[in-house]
Amino acid sequence: MYKSIEATAKDIGMPEYQIMKYIYEGRIKAVHDGENFLINSAQFDTYHEQLERIKEEIEIWRNTPIPEDMDVKDED
């Protein structure tokens, strides 16, 4: 499904100017219909999957208890 820049920016949580910058750099593929850029939203499926995986890993990291300190003697 093709979306406008505004809808894509809202969907992936980036500002519109950054989406435009990525289009001009070639990092985001888009179709120009003469007036607007249209972006195929399927190219962000991997992005969403990786974002969810990273969020899960951060949550696991936050919930992992800190191990107790080893009894290290300070030898001054």
Protein backbone atom coordinates (compact mmCIF):
# COMPACT_ATOMS: atom_id res chain seq x y z
CA MET A 1 0.00 0.00 0.00
CA TYR A 2 1.31 3.43 -0.90
CA LYS A 3 1.17 6.25 1.63
CA SER A 4 1.93 9.95 1.60
CA ILE A 5 4.95 11.39 3.34
CA GLU A 6 2.77 12.67 6.18
CA ALA A 7 1.17 9.27 6.78
CA THR A 8 4.53 7.48 6.58
CA ALA A 9 6.12 9.92 9.03
CA LYS A 10 3.30 9.35 11.48
CA ASP A 11 3.45 5.57 10.98
CA ILE A 12 7.18 5.17 11.64
CA GLY A 13 7.58 8.04 14.11
CA MET A 14 9.95 10.28 12.16
CA PRO A 15 9.59 13.93 11.21
CA GLU A 16 8.50 14.66 7.65
CA TYR A 17 11.69 16.56 6.79
CA GLN A 18 13.74 13.48 7.68
CA ILE A 19 11.58 11.29 5.42
CA MET A 20 12.15 13.77 2.57
CA LYS A 21 15.88 13.77 3.25
CA TYR A 22 15.97 9.95 3.11
CA ILE A 23 14.00 9.97 -0.15
CA TYR A 24 16.48 12.37 -1.77
CA GLU A 25 19.41 10.30 -0.44
CA GLY A 26 17.84 7.12 -1.83
CA ARG A 27 17.50 5.45 1.56
CA ILE A 28 13.69 5.36 1.19
CA LYS A 29 12.22 4.37 -2.14
CA ALA A 30 9.35 6.55 -3.33
CA VAL A 31 7.29 7.26 -6.42
CA HIS A 32 6.71 10.84 -7.52
CA ASP A 33 3.28 11.30 -9.12
CA GLY A 34 3.96 14.83 -10.33
CA GLU A 35 2.85 16.57 -7.16
CA ASN A 36 3.54 14.28 -4.22
CA PHE A 37 5.82 11.47 -3.22
CA LEU A 38 4.14 8.14 -2.51
CA ILE A 39 5.96 5.59 -0.37
CA ASN A 40 5.31 1.86 -0.37
CA SER A 41 4.78 0.96 3.28
CA ALA A 42 5.91 -2.67 2.76
CA GLN A 43 9.55 -1.52 2.79
CA PHE A 44 9.18 -0.72 6.50
CA ASP A 45 8.05 -4.21 7.58
CA THR A 46 11.60 -5.21 8.55
CA TYR A 47 12.06 -1.89 10.34
CA HIS A 48 8.98 -2.52 12.48
CA GLU A 49 10.07 -6.09 13.26
CA GLN A 50 13.54 -4.95 14.32
CA LEU A 51 12.10 -2.10 16.39
CA GLU A 52 9.82 -4.50 18.28
CA ARG A 53 12.69 -6.93 18.86
CA ILE A 54 14.89 -4.15 20.23
CA LYS A 55 12.09 -2.96 22.54
CA GLU A 56 11.71 -6.50 23.88
CA GLU A 57 15.48 -6.83 24.45
CA ILE A 58 15.57 -3.51 26.31
CA GLU A 59 12.65 -4.62 28.50
CA ILE A 60 14.43 -7.90 29.29
CA TRP A 61 17.61 -5.99 30.11
CA ARG A 62 15.69 -3.64 32.44
CA ASN A 63 14.03 -6.52 34.25
CA THR A 64 17.23 -8.51 34.73
CA PRO A 65 18.46 -8.05 38.29
CA ILE A 66 21.94 -6.68 38.86
CA PRO A 67 24.22 -9.44 40.17
CA GLU A 68 25.61 -9.03 43.63
CA ASP A 69 29.07 -7.52 43.85
CA MET A 70 31.95 -9.84 44.32
CA ASP A 71 33.74 -9.29 47.59
CA VAL A 72 36.70 -7.37 46.26
CA LYS A 73 39.12 -6.01 48.84
CA ASP A 74 40.53 -2.59 48.25
CA GLU A 75 44.25 -2.76 48.90
CA ASP A 76 45.40 0.79 49.57
